[in-house]
Protein backbone atom coordinates (compact mmCIF):
# COMPACT_ATOMS: atom_id res chain seq x y z
CA UNK A 1 -46.07 -33.13 34.68
CA UNK A 2 -48.68 -30.52 33.87
CA UNK A 3 -50.84 -31.67 36.74
CA UNK A 4 -47.90 -31.51 39.16
CA UNK A 5 -46.99 -28.02 37.99
CA UNK A 6 -50.56 -26.87 38.34
CA UNK A 7 -50.88 -28.26 41.87
CA UNK A 8 -47.59 -26.71 42.99
CA UNK A 9 -48.55 -23.38 41.44
CA UNK A 10 -51.92 -23.36 43.20
CA UNK A 11 -50.32 -24.24 46.54
CA UNK A 12 -47.78 -21.43 46.08
CA UNK A 13 -50.43 -18.87 45.17
CA UNK A 14 -52.64 -19.84 48.11
CA UNK A 15 -49.69 -19.65 50.49
CA UNK A 16 -48.59 -16.22 49.23
CA UNK A 17 -52.13 -14.83 49.31
CA UNK A 18 -52.64 -16.06 52.86
CA UNK A 19 -49.36 -14.44 53.95
CA UNK A 20 -50.43 -11.15 52.32
CA UNK A 21 -53.85 -11.34 53.96
CA UNK A 22 -52.34 -11.99 57.40
CA UNK A 23 -49.95 -9.06 56.88
CA UNK A 24 -52.82 -6.78 55.85
CA UNK A 25 -54.92 -7.77 58.86
CA UNK A 26 -51.94 -7.22 61.15
CA UNK A 27 -51.34 -3.76 59.69
CA UNK A 28 -55.00 -2.75 59.96
CA UNK A 29 -55.28 -3.86 63.58
CA UNK A 30 -51.99 -2.13 64.45
CA UNK A 31 -50.61 -5.33 65.87
CA UNK A 32 -47.21 -5.14 67.58
CA UNK A 33 -46.12 -7.94 65.22
CA UNK A 34 -46.85 -5.90 62.08
CA UNK A 35 -43.22 -5.42 61.15
CA UNK A 36 -42.45 -9.11 61.61
CA UNK A 37 -45.46 -10.03 59.46
CA UNK A 38 -44.29 -7.61 56.78
CA UNK A 39 -40.80 -9.12 56.82
CA UNK A 40 -42.29 -12.62 56.54
CA UNK A 41 -44.37 -11.43 53.60
CA UNK A 42 -41.33 -10.07 51.75
CA UNK A 43 -39.33 -13.22 52.54
CA UNK A 44 -42.14 -15.47 51.31
CA UNK A 45 -42.57 -13.44 48.14
CA UNK A 46 -39.00 -14.29 47.22
CA UNK A 47 -38.48 -17.75 48.72
CA UNK A 48 -41.73 -19.54 47.75
CA UNK A 49 -41.38 -19.05 43.96
CA UNK A 50 -37.69 -19.97 44.12
CA UNK A 51 -38.47 -23.16 46.07
CA UNK A 52 -41.26 -24.10 43.65
CA UNK A 53 -38.87 -23.59 40.74
CA UNK A 54 -36.24 -25.72 42.48
CA UNK A 55 -38.74 -28.52 43.14
CA UNK A 56 -39.85 -28.51 39.51
CA UNK A 57 -36.24 -28.47 38.33
CA UNK A 58 -35.36 -31.46 40.51
CA UNK A 59 -38.52 -33.22 39.34
CA UNK A 60 -37.42 -32.73 35.72
CA UNK A 61 -34.01 -34.16 36.54
CA UNK A 62 -35.61 -37.33 37.86
CA UNK A 63 -37.77 -37.71 34.77
CA UNK A 64 -36.28 -39.24 31.67
CA UNK A 65 -38.25 -39.20 28.44
CA UNK A 66 -41.56 -39.42 30.23
CA UNK A 67 -40.53 -42.28 32.52
CA UNK A 68 -39.10 -42.20 36.00
CA UNK A 69 -35.41 -42.94 36.35
CA UNK A 70 -36.22 -45.25 39.24
CA UNK A 71 -38.65 -47.25 37.11
CA UNK A 72 -36.20 -47.47 34.21
CA UNK A 73 -33.46 -48.70 36.56
CA UNK A 74 -35.82 -51.34 37.95
CA UNK A 75 -36.65 -52.44 34.40
CA UNK A 76 -32.95 -52.73 33.59
CA UNK A 77 -32.37 -54.80 36.73
CA UNK A 78 -35.25 -57.13 35.89
CA UNK A 79 -33.93 -57.55 32.33
CA UNK A 80 -30.47 -58.35 33.69
CA UNK A 81 -31.95 -60.97 36.01
CA UNK A 82 -33.93 -62.50 33.13
CA UNK A 83 -30.87 -62.67 30.88
CA UNK A 84 -28.80 -64.19 33.69
CA UNK A 85 -31.52 -66.78 34.31
CA UNK A 86 -31.52 -67.79 30.63
CA UNK A 87 -27.78 -68.40 30.66
């Protein structure tokens, strides 16, 4: 979990910094797209952290006591098949 959080955080930081850098370069060069770049920068500043939080929240929902829900369901199914085979 810590490794996943760290990777997502690094990706988010790199993305935001690249958006800020592109906006700065656009403003310095007086590009006609400067206002659009600025709007994208503001949008990304809000949306990227919220999306990262949502992904982590969903990831936590799919984890159950350190094991994946999918894996625990597969284990239950295999135990049910074993018990049915014994009977």
